[in-house]
C-alpha cells in the first residue's frame, strides 16, 4: 500500500501547514483526499514536490501489507 506519512513529516520539518499549502495553490479537496489515504495522480505528486522543494520519497512510501506465503 502507498502511505503519505512522509508528506506530513516533510510538511512538519519545513514548518508548512495545510493552510500554507492551500495559499500556495494546492487544492483543499486533494489534501483532504490524501489525508484519507486515497490515491493521487503523478501530477499531484509533482505539484507537491515543486511546492515543498522535495523528492517523491518525501511525499509517499510503499508499505508491503500483503501476507507472504
Protein backbone atom coordinates (compact mmCIF):
# COMPACT_ATOMS: atom_id res chain seq x y z
CA UNK A 1 0.00 0.00 0.00
CA UNK A 2 1.07 3.59 -0.51
CA UNK A 3 1.41 5.72 2.61
CA UNK A 4 1.52 9.51 2.66
CA UNK A 5 3.08 9.70 6.14
CA UNK A 6 6.29 11.12 4.64
CA UNK A 7 4.29 14.08 3.29
CA UNK A 8 3.08 15.10 6.73
CA UNK A 9 6.56 14.60 8.20
CA UNK A 10 8.08 16.75 5.43
CA UNK A 11 5.48 19.46 5.99
CA UNK A 12 6.24 19.48 9.73
CA UNK A 13 10.02 19.59 9.15
CA UNK A 14 9.60 22.53 6.77
CA UNK A 15 7.05 24.24 9.05
CA UNK A 16 4.45 24.27 6.28
CA UNK A 17 0.87 23.96 7.47
CA UNK A 18 -2.03 22.75 5.35
CA UNK A 19 -3.21 26.37 5.28
CA UNK A 20 0.15 27.48 3.85
CA UNK A 21 -0.08 24.72 1.25
CA UNK A 22 -3.54 25.97 0.23
CA UNK A 23 -2.17 29.51 -0.03
CA UNK A 24 0.49 28.17 -2.44
CA UNK A 25 -2.33 26.94 -4.67
CA UNK A 26 -2.72 23.33 -3.54
CA UNK A 27 -6.30 22.05 -3.61
CA UNK A 28 -8.05 21.59 -0.26
CA UNK A 29 -10.07 18.71 -1.68
CA UNK A 30 -6.92 16.92 -2.82
CA UNK A 31 -5.25 17.49 0.55
CA UNK A 32 -8.24 16.01 2.39
CA UNK A 33 -8.28 13.09 -0.05
CA UNK A 34 -4.61 12.42 0.77
CA UNK A 35 -5.42 12.58 4.49
CA UNK A 36 -7.96 9.79 3.90
CA UNK A 37 -5.30 7.70 2.13
CA UNK A 38 -6.87 7.90 -1.32
CA UNK A 39 -4.70 7.60 -4.40
CA UNK A 40 -3.35 10.70 -6.14
CA UNK A 41 -2.05 11.34 -9.63
CA UNK A 42 1.57 11.77 -10.60
CA UNK A 43 0.67 15.38 -11.45
CA UNK A 44 -0.33 15.89 -7.83
CA UNK A 45 2.91 14.29 -6.62
CA UNK A 46 4.80 16.59 -8.99
CA UNK A 47 2.96 19.64 -7.65
CA UNK A 48 3.71 18.69 -4.04
CA UNK A 49 7.40 18.12 -4.83
CA UNK A 50 7.57 21.53 -6.52
CA UNK A 51 5.75 23.36 -3.72
CA UNK A 52 7.68 21.67 -0.91
CA UNK A 53 11.01 21.55 -2.78
CA UNK A 54 11.44 17.84 -2.03
CA UNK A 55 11.66 14.44 -3.69
CA UNK A 56 8.94 11.84 -4.25
CA UNK A 57 10.19 9.80 -1.29
CA UNK A 58 9.46 12.83 0.91
CA UNK A 59 5.81 12.61 -0.19
CA UNK A 60 4.97 8.93 -0.14
CA UNK A 61 6.30 5.45 0.58
CA UNK A 62 5.38 1.88 -0.24
CA UNK A 63 4.48 -0.39 2.67
CA UNK A 64 4.07 -4.11 1.96
CA UNK A 65 0.81 -5.08 3.64
CA UNK A 66 0.21 -8.39 1.84
CA UNK A 67 0.86 -11.61 3.76
CA UNK A 68 3.56 -13.71 2.17
CA UNK A 69 3.38 -17.40 1.60
